[in-house]
Amino acid sequence: MREEKLKFLLIITFSIFMIFFCLLPFIYMVITSFSKQPDYLFSGFNFTFDNYYSVITTRSLHFIDYLRNSLIISGISAFVCVSISALSAYAITRLLSFKYASIILLFTLATSMFPQISLVGYLFKFMSMLGWINTYFALIFPYIALTLPLSLWILVSYFSQIPKELDKAALIDGCSHWQVLYKVVLPLSVPGLFSTLLLAFIFAFNEFMFALILTIDHNARTIPVGIALFQGLHGEIPWGTIMSASTIATLPVVILTIIFQRHIVQGLTRGAIKG
């Protein structure tokens, strides 16, 4: 009995420590965003909404433009990526033999291992030839390519757990492979699709290097690069403005995670369970 209590106490203590350790940077960011001075730990905390008012209303910061660009680019990239991954995962798990499926999966995994810094120079030349520099297309297509391997692996793992007998029954009833996909497989794969969609969205929303190199101004620049350039606009580091902008930028991801938390957990864990 004593060992069980000690084990329970250790689990609770470690869990609280991990939660506090993970949330500490976010808590510090939120507190700083509401403080007049960034050194409030020494000078005292003075509560204010001026940082949020400034970041939203100051036209030279273009914060709303950056946020809009990030939401549009990330949303389109995630949707297209999941759509392509779903079709590919269905073909790999249902239509191809295991030998060919394994080759395709290994090839997609290999393409994801190239570091972004080794690709950005060639990508810049390619986008310049197409005339896409400082456009949404310059970021959407690289983000789709970068998130496809992870999305494909998640959905292949998820689709492989759906019994193939359901496909055979639907085919016997007169369904085509397309109808089997969107009437049988996709409805049963909603948790996996949601988790993949959110992961792809988060990656595109947080990506920095391509957004820095392939965009020029607020017409296509995303919010990570926009916040990073706040320092250049002011000539000093405006910590209050940076923290308030960062807090607002994290809200879409936090809200999506809270709303779809159950689906995300199911989507990421079901593929690891046989049966």
C-alpha atoms as a PDB file:
ATOM      1  CA  MET A   1       0.000   0.000   0.000  1.00  0.00           C
ATOM      2  CA  ARG A   2       2.837   2.337   0.893  1.00  0.00           C
ATOM      3  CA  GLU A   3       4.567   1.599  -2.415  1.00  0.00           C
ATOM      4  CA  GLU A   4       1.377   2.428  -4.346  1.00  0.00           C
ATOM      5  CA  LYS A   5       1.040   5.759  -2.536  1.00  0.00           C
ATOM      6  CA  LEU A   6       4.695   6.562  -3.207  1.00  0.00           C
ATOM      7  CA  LYS A   7       4.276   5.664  -6.879  1.00  0.00           C
ATOM      8  CA  PHE A   8       1.146   7.810  -7.137  1.00  0.00           C
ATOM      9  CA  LEU A   9       2.922  10.720  -5.443  1.00  0.00           C
ATOM     10  CA  LEU A  10       5.900  10.461  -7.790  1.00  0.00           C
ATOM     11  CA  ILE A  11       3.640  10.377 -10.837  1.00  0.00           C
ATOM     12  CA  ILE A  12       1.701  13.453  -9.688  1.00  0.00           C
ATOM     13  CA  THR A  13       4.886  15.347  -8.808  1.00  0.00           C
ATOM     14  CA  PHE A  14       6.570  14.529 -12.107  1.00  0.00           C
ATOM     15  CA  SER A  15       3.419  15.401 -14.068  1.00  0.00           C
ATOM     16  CA  ILE A  16       3.108  18.778 -12.358  1.00  0.00           C
ATOM     17  CA  PHE A  17       6.781  19.478 -12.998  1.00  0.00           C
ATOM     18  CA  MET A  18       6.472  18.605 -16.700  1.00  0.00           C
ATOM     19  CA  ILE A  19       3.331  20.710 -17.113  1.00  0.00           C
ATOM     20  CA  PHE A  20       4.978  23.679 -15.432  1.00  0.00           C
ATOM     21  CA  PHE A  21       8.200  23.181 -17.411  1.00  0.00           C
ATOM     22  CA  CYS A  22       6.321  23.119 -20.736  1.00  0.00           C
ATOM     23  CA  LEU A  23       4.002  26.025 -19.931  1.00  0.00           C
ATOM     24  CA  LEU A  24       6.600  28.307 -18.326  1.00  0.00           C
ATOM     25  CA  PRO A  25       7.725  29.992 -21.605  1.00  0.00           C
ATOM     26  CA  PHE A  26       4.102  30.538 -22.628  1.00  0.00           C
ATOM     27  CA  ILE A  27       3.199  31.953 -19.196  1.00  0.00           C
ATOM     28  CA  TYR A  28       6.193  34.284 -19.328  1.00  0.00           C
ATOM     29  CA  MET A  29       5.177  35.416 -22.833  1.00  0.00           C
ATOM     30  CA  VAL A  30       1.600  36.202 -21.752  1.00  0.00           C
ATOM     31  CA  ILE A  31       2.674  38.057 -18.599  1.00  0.00           C
ATOM     32  CA  THR A  32       5.219  40.116 -20.527  1.00  0.00           C
ATOM     33  CA  SER A  33       2.591  41.032 -23.116  1.00  0.00           C
ATOM     34  CA  PHE A  34       0.497  42.650 -20.376  1.00  0.00           C
ATOM     35  CA  SER A  35       3.389  44.528 -18.750  1.00  0.00           C
ATOM     36  CA  LYS A  36       4.528  48.091 -19.449  1.00  0.00           C
ATOM     37  CA  GLN A  37       8.173  47.206 -18.811  1.00  0.00           C
ATOM     38  CA  PRO A  38       9.827  43.981 -20.002  1.00  0.00           C
ATOM     39  CA  ASP A  39      12.016  43.942 -16.851  1.00  0.00           C
ATOM     40  CA  TYR A  40       8.984  43.710 -14.557  1.00  0.00           C
ATOM     41  CA  LEU A  41      10.752  41.118 -12.407  1.00  0.00           C
ATOM     42  CA  PHE A  42      12.991  43.929 -11.118  1.00  0.00           C
ATOM     43  CA  SER A  43      11.028  47.135 -11.681  1.00  0.00           C
ATOM     44  CA  GLY A  44       7.581  45.821 -10.748  1.00  0.00           C
ATOM     45  CA  PHE A  45       4.634  44.670 -12.814  1.00  0.00           C
ATOM     46  CA  ASN A  46       2.315  47.325 -14.286  1.00  0.00           C
ATOM     47  CA  PHE A  47      -0.704  45.848 -16.074  1.00  0.00           C
ATOM     48  CA  THR A  48      -1.629  47.351 -19.462  1.00  0.00           C
ATOM     49  CA  PHE A  49      -3.407  46.569 -22.733  1.00  0.00           C
ATOM     50  CA  ASP A  50      -1.261  49.063 -24.660  1.00  0.00           C
ATOM     51  CA  ASN A  51       0.906  46.360 -26.218  1.00  0.00           C
ATOM     52  CA  TYR A  52      -2.089  44.615 -27.772  1.00  0.00           C
ATOM     53  CA  TYR A  53      -3.623  47.890 -28.888  1.00  0.00           C
ATOM     54  CA  SER A  54      -0.349  48.941 -30.450  1.00  0.00           C
ATOM     55  CA  VAL A  55       0.286  45.709 -32.333  1.00  0.00           C
ATOM     56  CA  ILE A  56      -3.240  45.687 -33.782  1.00  0.00           C
ATOM     57  CA  THR A  57      -3.618  49.368 -34.655  1.00  0.00           C
ATOM     58  CA  THR A  58      -0.090  50.357 -35.751  1.00  0.00           C
ATOM     59  CA  ARG A  59      -0.263  50.218 -39.539  1.00  0.00           C
ATOM     60  CA  SER A  60       3.511  50.067 -40.014  1.00  0.00           C
ATOM     61  CA  LEU A  61       3.658  46.730 -38.200  1.00  0.00           C
ATOM     62  CA  HIS A  62       1.203  45.038 -40.635  1.00  0.00           C
ATOM     63  CA  PHE A  63       0.385  42.453 -37.977  1.00  0.00           C
ATOM     64  CA  ILE A  64      -3.121  41.762 -39.299  1.00  0.00           C
ATOM     65  CA  ASP A  65      -1.678  41.264 -42.796  1.00  0.00           C
ATOM     66  CA  TYR A  66       0.879  38.776 -41.476  1.00  0.00           C
ATOM     67  CA  LEU A  67      -1.769  36.881 -39.533  1.00  0.00           C
ATOM     68  CA  ARG A  68      -4.100  36.741 -42.530  1.00  0.00           C
ATOM     69  CA  ASN A  69      -1.292  35.504 -44.783  1.00  0.00           C
ATOM     70  CA  SER A  70      -0.322  32.790 -42.303  1.00  0.00           C
ATOM     71  CA  LEU A  71      -3.882  31.537 -41.913  1.00  0.00           C
ATOM     72  CA  ILE A  72      -4.521  31.428 -45.672  1.00  0.00           C
ATOM     73  CA  ILE A  73      -1.198  29.827 -46.596  1.00  0.00           C
ATOM     74  CA  SER A  74      -1.265  27.310 -43.739  1.00  0.00           C
ATOM     75  CA  GLY A  75      -4.906  26.401 -44.299  1.00  0.00           C
ATOM     76  CA  ILE A  76      -4.521  25.802 -48.037  1.00  0.00           C
ATOM     77  CA  SER A  77      -1.241  23.923 -47.589  1.00  0.00           C
ATOM     78  CA  ALA A  78      -2.676  21.649 -44.892  1.00  0.00           C
ATOM     79  CA  PHE A  79      -5.879  20.918 -46.832  1.00  0.00           C
ATOM     80  CA  VAL A  80      -4.086  20.086 -50.096  1.00  0.00           C
ATOM     81  CA  CYS A  81      -1.457  18.051 -48.259  1.00  0.00           C
ATOM     82  CA  VAL A  82      -4.038  15.931 -46.429  1.00  0.00           C
ATOM     83  CA  SER A  83      -6.055  15.466 -49.631  1.00  0.00           C
ATOM     84  CA  ILE A  84      -3.027  14.164 -51.549  1.00  0.00           C
ATOM     85  CA  SER A  85      -1.870  12.065 -48.595  1.00  0.00           C
ATOM     86  CA  ALA A  86      -5.305  10.464 -48.202  1.00  0.00           C
ATOM     87  CA  LEU A  87      -5.377   9.425 -51.866  1.00  0.00           C
ATOM     88  CA  SER A  88      -1.804   8.126 -51.687  1.00  0.00           C
ATOM     89  CA  ALA A  89      -2.381   6.271 -48.416  1.00  0.00           C
ATOM     90  CA  TYR A  90      -5.480   4.598 -49.858  1.00  0.00           C
ATOM     91  CA  ALA A  91      -3.552   3.466 -52.921  1.00  0.00           C
ATOM     92  CA  ILE A  92      -0.632   2.174 -50.848  1.00  0.00           C
ATOM     93  CA  THR A  93      -2.720   0.280 -48.296  1.00  0.00           C
ATOM     94  CA  ARG A  94      -5.448  -0.985 -50.644  1.00  0.00           C
ATOM     95  CA  LEU A  95      -4.263  -1.132 -54.248  1.00  0.00           C
ATOM     96  CA  LEU A  96      -0.505  -1.834 -54.197  1.00  0.00           C
ATOM     97  CA  SER A  97       1.429  -4.858 -53.018  1.00  0.00           C
ATOM     98  CA  PHE A  98       3.482  -4.509 -49.859  1.00  0.00           C
ATOM     99  CA  LYS A  99       6.781  -4.554 -51.778  1.00  0.00           C
ATOM    100  CA  TYR A 100       5.874  -1.532 -53.866  1.00  0.00           C
ATOM    101  CA  ALA A 101       4.242   0.188 -50.917  1.00  0.00           C
ATOM    102  CA  SER A 102       7.387  -0.096 -48.824  1.00  0.00           C
ATOM    103  CA  ILE A 103       9.494   1.333 -51.664  1.00  0.00           C
ATOM    104  CA  ILE A 104       7.181   4.345 -51.995  1.00  0.00           C
ATOM    105  CA  LEU A 105       7.199   4.965 -48.250  1.00  0.00           C
ATOM    106  CA  LEU A 106      10.981   4.738 -48.044  1.00  0.00           C
ATOM    107  CA  PHE A 107      11.335   7.122 -50.991  1.00  0.00           C
ATOM    108  CA  THR A 108       9.032   9.718 -49.413  1.00  0.00           C
ATOM    109  CA  LEU A 109      10.891   9.400 -46.132  1.00  0.00           C
ATOM    110  CA  ALA A 110      14.212   9.964 -47.928  1.00  0.00           C
ATOM    111  CA  THR A 111      12.957  13.147 -49.576  1.00  0.00           C
ATOM    112  CA  SER A 112      11.987  14.572 -46.184  1.00  0.00           C
ATOM    113  CA  MET A 113      15.544  14.223 -44.872  1.00  0.00           C
ATOM    114  CA  PHE A 114      16.994  17.035 -46.974  1.00  0.00           C
ATOM    115  CA  PRO A 115      17.655  20.097 -44.773  1.00  0.00           C
ATOM    116  CA  GLN A 116      15.784  23.217 -45.815  1.00  0.00           C
ATOM    117  CA  ILE A 117      18.960  25.282 -46.057  1.00  0.00           C
ATOM    118  CA  SER A 118      20.223  23.012 -48.865  1.00  0.00           C
ATOM    119  CA  LEU A 119      17.056  23.593 -50.895  1.00  0.00           C
ATOM    120  CA  VAL A 120      16.279  27.246 -50.362  1.00  0.00           C
ATOM    121  CA  GLY A 121      18.785  28.585 -52.939  1.00  0.00           C
ATOM    122  CA  TYR A 122      17.465  26.421 -55.780  1.00  0.00           C
ATOM    123  CA  LEU A 123      13.908  27.051 -54.653  1.00  0.00           C
ATOM    124  CA  PHE A 124      14.476  30.806 -54.797  1.00  0.00           C
ATOM    125  CA  LYS A 125      15.788  30.557 -58.377  1.00  0.00           C
ATOM    126  CA  PHE A 126      12.860  28.368 -59.381  1.00  0.00           C
ATOM    127  CA  MET A 127      10.287  30.718 -57.854  1.00  0.00           C
ATOM    128  CA  SER A 128      12.012  33.685 -59.486  1.00  0.00           C
ATOM    129  CA  MET A 129      11.726  32.022 -62.903  1.00  0.00           C
ATOM    130  CA  LEU A 130       8.010  31.477 -62.308  1.00  0.00           C
ATOM    131  CA  GLY A 131       7.558  35.039 -61.046  1.00  0.00           C
ATOM    132  CA  TRP A 132       6.122  33.787 -57.750  1.00  0.00           C
ATOM    133  CA  ILE A 133       8.434  35.599 -55.331  1.00  0.00           C
ATOM    134  CA  ASN A 134       6.362  37.376 -52.673  1.00  0.00           C
ATOM    135  CA  THR A 135       3.190  35.441 -53.506  1.00  0.00           C
ATOM    136  CA  TYR A 136       1.188  32.809 -51.683  1.00  0.00           C
ATOM    137  CA  PHE A 137       2.158  30.182 -54.253  1.00  0.00           C
ATOM    138  CA  ALA A 138       5.843  30.589 -53.383  1.00  0.00           C
ATOM    139  CA  LEU A 139       5.108  29.228 -49.890  1.00  0.00           C
ATOM    140  CA  ILE A 140       2.125  26.944 -50.452  1.00  0.00           C
ATOM    141  CA  PHE A 141       3.873  24.527 -52.821  1.00  0.00           C
ATOM    142  CA  PRO A 142       7.068  24.091 -50.704  1.00  0.00           C
ATOM    143  CA  TYR A 143       4.972  23.624 -47.557  1.00  0.00           C
ATOM    144  CA  ILE A 144       2.903  20.930 -49.270  1.00  0.00           C
ATOM    145  CA  ALA A 145       6.067  19.147 -50.384  1.00  0.00           C
ATOM    146  CA  LEU A 146       7.648  19.345 -46.922  1.00  0.00           C
ATOM    147  CA  THR A 147       4.601  18.098 -45.013  1.00  0.00           C
ATOM    148  CA  LEU A 148       3.602  15.325 -47.436  1.00  0.00           C
ATOM    149  CA  PRO A 149       6.011  12.652 -46.056  1.00  0.00           C
ATOM    150  CA  LEU A 150       4.808  13.031 -42.452  1.00  0.00           C
ATOM    151  CA  SER A 151       1.163  13.215 -43.514  1.00  0.00           C
ATOM    152  CA  LEU A 152       1.527  10.141 -45.714  1.00  0.00           C
ATOM    153  CA  TRP A 153       3.159   8.093 -42.975  1.00  0.00           C
ATOM    154  CA  ILE A 154       0.430   8.979 -40.464  1.00  0.00           C
ATOM    155  CA  LEU A 155      -2.426   8.181 -42.834  1.00  0.00           C
ATOM    156  CA  VAL A 156      -0.828   4.964 -44.119  1.00  0.00           C
ATOM    157  CA  SER A 157      -0.484   3.827 -40.527  1.00  0.00           C
ATOM    158  CA  TYR A 158      -4.102   4.765 -39.854  1.00  0.00           C
ATOM    159  CA  PHE A 159      -5.626   3.344 -43.054  1.00  0.00           C
ATOM    160  CA  SER A 160      -3.809   0.038 -42.553  1.00  0.00           C
ATOM    161  CA  GLN A 161      -5.797  -0.533 -39.347  1.00  0.00           C
ATOM    162  CA  ILE A 162      -9.155  -0.311 -41.148  1.00  0.00           C
ATOM    163  CA  PRO A 163     -10.319  -3.853 -42.072  1.00  0.00           C
ATOM    164  CA  LYS A 164     -10.108  -4.545 -45.780  1.00  0.00           C
ATOM    165  CA  GLU A 165     -13.250  -6.658 -45.489  1.00  0.00           C
ATOM    166  CA  LEU A 166     -15.212  -3.398 -45.447  1.00  0.00           C
ATOM    167  CA  ASP A 167     -13.748  -2.512 -48.833  1.00  0.00           C
ATOM    168  CA  LYS A 168     -14.619  -5.920 -50.261  1.00  0.00           C
ATOM    169  CA  ALA A 169     -18.178  -5.663 -48.968  1.00  0.00           C
ATOM    170  CA  ALA A 170     -18.588  -2.222 -50.537  1.00  0.00           C
ATOM    171  CA  LEU A 171     -17.142  -3.420 -53.854  1.00  0.00           C
ATOM    172  CA  ILE A 172     -19.535  -6.375 -53.860  1.00  0.00           C
ATOM    173  CA  ASP A 173     -22.415  -3.941 -53.318  1.00  0.00           C
ATOM    174  CA  GLY A 174     -21.401  -2.131 -56.504  1.00  0.00           C
ATOM    175  CA  CYS A 175     -19.180   0.687 -55.194  1.00  0.00           C
ATOM    176  CA  SER A 176     -16.155   1.822 -57.153  1.00  0.00           C
ATOM    177  CA  HIS A 177     -12.780   2.387 -55.489  1.00  0.00           C
ATOM    178  CA  TRP A 178     -13.519   6.127 -55.331  1.00  0.00           C
ATOM    179  CA  GLN A 179     -16.806   5.443 -53.558  1.00  0.00           C
ATOM    180  CA  VAL A 180     -15.101   3.067 -51.152  1.00  0.00           C
ATOM    181  CA  LEU A 181     -12.641   5.826 -50.325  1.00  0.00           C
ATOM    182  CA  TYR A 182     -15.084   8.624 -49.537  1.00  0.00           C
ATOM    183  CA  LYS A 183     -17.990   6.490 -48.262  1.00  0.00           C
ATOM    184  CA  VAL A 184     -16.135   3.906 -46.168  1.00  0.00           C
ATOM    185  CA  VAL A 185     -12.474   4.715 -45.528  1.00  0.00           C
ATOM    186  CA  LEU A 186     -12.568   8.472 -45.036  1.00  0.00           C
ATOM    187  CA  PRO A 187     -15.516   8.507 -42.559  1.00  0.00           C
ATOM    188  CA  LEU A 188     -13.707   5.906 -40.447  1.00  0.00           C
ATOM    189  CA  SER A 189     -10.477   7.917 -40.644  1.00  0.00           C
ATOM    190  CA  VAL A 190     -11.768  11.267 -39.348  1.00  0.00           C
ATOM    191  CA  PRO A 191      -9.497  11.273 -36.230  1.00  0.00           C
ATOM    192  CA  GLY A 192      -6.431  10.519 -38.341  1.00  0.00           C
ATOM    193  CA  LEU A 193      -7.379  13.150 -40.906  1.00  0.00           C
ATOM    194  CA  PHE A 194      -7.889  15.787 -38.205  1.00  0.00           C
ATOM    195  CA  SER A 195      -4.573  15.049 -36.501  1.00  0.00           C
ATOM    196  CA  THR A 196      -2.716  15.092 -39.826  1.00  0.00           C
ATOM    197  CA  LEU A 197      -4.431  18.307 -40.869  1.00  0.00           C
ATOM    198  CA  LEU A 198      -3.506  20.038 -37.622  1.00  0.00           C
ATOM    199  CA  LEU A 199       0.123  18.907 -37.745  1.00  0.00           C
ATOM    200  CA  ALA A 200       0.460  20.113 -41.326  1.00  0.00           C
ATOM    201  CA  PHE A 201      -1.188  23.410 -40.389  1.00  0.00           C
ATOM    202  CA  ILE A 202       1.131  23.931 -37.414  1.00  0.00           C
ATOM    203  CA  PHE A 203       4.216  23.211 -39.515  1.00  0.00           C
ATOM    204  CA  ALA A 204       3.225  25.693 -42.216  1.00  0.00           C
ATOM    205  CA  PHE A 205       2.132  28.270 -39.642  1.00  0.00           C
ATOM    206  CA  ASN A 206       5.472  28.139 -37.797  1.00  0.00           C
ATOM    207  CA  GLU A 207       7.845  27.759 -40.761  1.00  0.00           C
ATOM    208  CA  PHE A 208      10.412  30.575 -40.899  1.00  0.00           C
ATOM    209  CA  MET A 209      13.219  30.055 -43.417  1.00  0.00           C
ATOM    210  CA  PHE A 210      11.219  29.767 -46.656  1.00  0.00           C
ATOM    211  CA  ALA A 211       8.929  32.587 -45.545  1.00  0.00           C
ATOM    212  CA  LEU A 212      11.959  34.799 -44.936  1.00  0.00           C
ATOM    213  CA  ILE A 213      13.683  34.077 -48.260  1.00  0.00           C
ATOM    214  CA  LEU A 214      10.683  33.849 -50.611  1.00  0.00           C
ATOM    215  CA  THR A 215       8.717  36.900 -49.415  1.00  0.00           C
ATOM    216  CA  ILE A 216       9.545  40.591 -49.502  1.00  0.00           C
ATOM    217  CA  ASP A 217       6.804  42.544 -47.751  1.00  0.00           C
ATOM    218  CA  HIS A 218       3.493  42.229 -45.923  1.00  0.00           C
ATOM    219  CA  ASN A 219       1.625  41.134 -49.059  1.00  0.00           C
ATOM    220  CA  ALA A 220       2.802  37.527 -48.604  1.00  0.00           C
ATOM    221  CA  ARG A 221       5.039  37.490 -45.520  1.00  0.00           C
ATOM    222  CA  THR A 222       3.857  35.214 -42.703  1.00  0.00           C
ATOM    223  CA  ILE A 223       3.638  35.980 -39.036  1.00  0.00           C
ATOM    224  CA  PRO A 224       6.883  34.320 -37.750  1.00  0.00           C
ATOM    225  CA  VAL A 225       8.951  36.490 -40.104  1.00  0.00           C
ATOM    226  CA  GLY A 226       6.785  39.549 -39.431  1.00  0.00           C
ATOM    227  CA  ILE A 227       7.294  39.296 -35.672  1.00  0.00           C
ATOM    228  CA  ALA A 228      11.029  38.700 -36.117  1.00  0.00           C
ATOM    229  CA  LEU A 229      11.277  41.967 -38.102  1.00  0.00           C
ATOM    230  CA  PHE A 230       9.582  44.065 -35.404  1.00  0.00           C
ATOM    231  CA  GLN A 231      13.040  44.810 -34.065  1.00  0.00           C
ATOM    232  CA  GLY A 232      14.152  46.373 -37.346  1.00  0.00           C
ATOM    233  CA  LEU A 233      11.066  48.567 -37.501  1.00  0.00           C
ATOM    234  CA  HIS A 234      11.673  50.125 -34.095  1.00  0.00           C
ATOM    235  CA  GLY A 235      15.475  50.176 -33.899  1.00  0.00           C
ATOM    236  CA  GLU A 236      15.248  48.392 -30.541  1.00  0.00           C
ATOM    237  CA  ILE A 237      13.656  45.259 -29.190  1.00  0.00           C
ATOM    238  CA  PRO A 238       9.991  46.036 -28.342  1.00  0.00           C
ATOM    239  CA  TRP A 239       9.444  43.072 -26.047  1.00  0.00           C
ATOM    240  CA  GLY A 240       5.885  44.022 -25.126  1.00  0.00           C
ATOM    241  CA  THR A 241       4.824  44.258 -28.768  1.00  0.00           C
ATOM    242  CA  ILE A 242       6.636  41.059 -29.702  1.00  0.00           C
ATOM    243  CA  MET A 243       5.105  39.115 -26.828  1.00  0.00           C
ATOM    244  CA  SER A 244       1.589  40.402 -27.464  1.00  0.00           C
ATOM    245  CA  ALA A 245       1.881  39.558 -31.177  1.00  0.00           C
ATOM    246  CA  SER A 246       3.224  36.105 -30.314  1.00  0.00           C
ATOM    247  CA  THR A 247       0.368  35.515 -27.886  1.00  0.00           C
ATOM    248  CA  ILE A 248      -2.223  36.403 -30.515  1.00  0.00           C
ATOM    249  CA  ALA A 249      -0.417  34.245 -33.094  1.00  0.00           C
ATOM    250  CA  THR A 250      -0.587  31.169 -30.865  1.00  0.00           C
ATOM    251  CA  LEU A 251      -4.350  31.456 -30.338  1.00  0.00           C
ATOM    252  CA  PRO A 252      -5.436  29.789 -33.634  1.00  0.00           C
ATOM    253  CA  VAL A 253      -3.304  26.721 -32.956  1.00  0.00           C
ATOM    254  CA  VAL A 254      -4.365  26.533 -29.291  1.00  0.00           C
ATOM    255  CA  ILE A 255      -8.055  26.855 -30.191  1.00  0.00           C
ATOM    256  CA  LEU A 256      -7.818  24.176 -32.894  1.00  0.00           C
ATOM    257  CA  THR A 257      -5.973  21.838 -30.529  1.00  0.00           C
ATOM    258  CA  ILE A 258      -8.538  22.282 -27.759  1.00  0.00           C
ATOM    259  CA  ILE A 259     -11.500  21.764 -30.089  1.00  0.00           C
ATOM    260  CA  PHE A 260     -10.108  18.691 -31.838  1.00  0.00           C
ATOM    261  CA  GLN A 261      -8.065  17.260 -28.959  1.00  0.00           C
ATOM    262  CA  ARG A 262     -10.007  13.981 -28.808  1.00  0.00           C
ATOM    263  CA  HIS A 263      -9.689  13.401 -32.555  1.00  0.00           C
ATOM    264  CA  ILE A 264      -5.985  14.240 -32.497  1.00  0.00           C
ATOM    265  CA  VAL A 265      -5.203  11.742 -29.732  1.00  0.00           C
ATOM    266  CA  GLN A 266      -7.187   9.020 -31.501  1.00  0.00           C
ATOM    267  CA  GLY A 267      -5.514   9.792 -34.819  1.00  0.00           C
ATOM    268  CA  LEU A 268      -1.980   9.635 -33.433  1.00  0.00           C
ATOM    269  CA  THR A 269      -2.448   6.538 -31.259  1.00  0.00           C
ATOM    270  CA  ARG A 270      -4.706   4.251 -33.294  1.00  0.00           C
ATOM    271  CA  GLY A 271      -2.070   3.629 -35.947  1.00  0.00           C
ATOM    272  CA  ALA A 272       0.244   2.198 -33.269  1.00  0.00           C
ATOM    273  CA  ILE A 273      -2.334  -0.367 -32.069  1.00  0.00           C
ATOM    274  CA  LYS A 274      -2.923  -3.609 -33.925  1.00  0.00           C
ATOM    275  CA  GLY A 275      -6.403  -4.968 -34.369  1.00  0.00           C
END
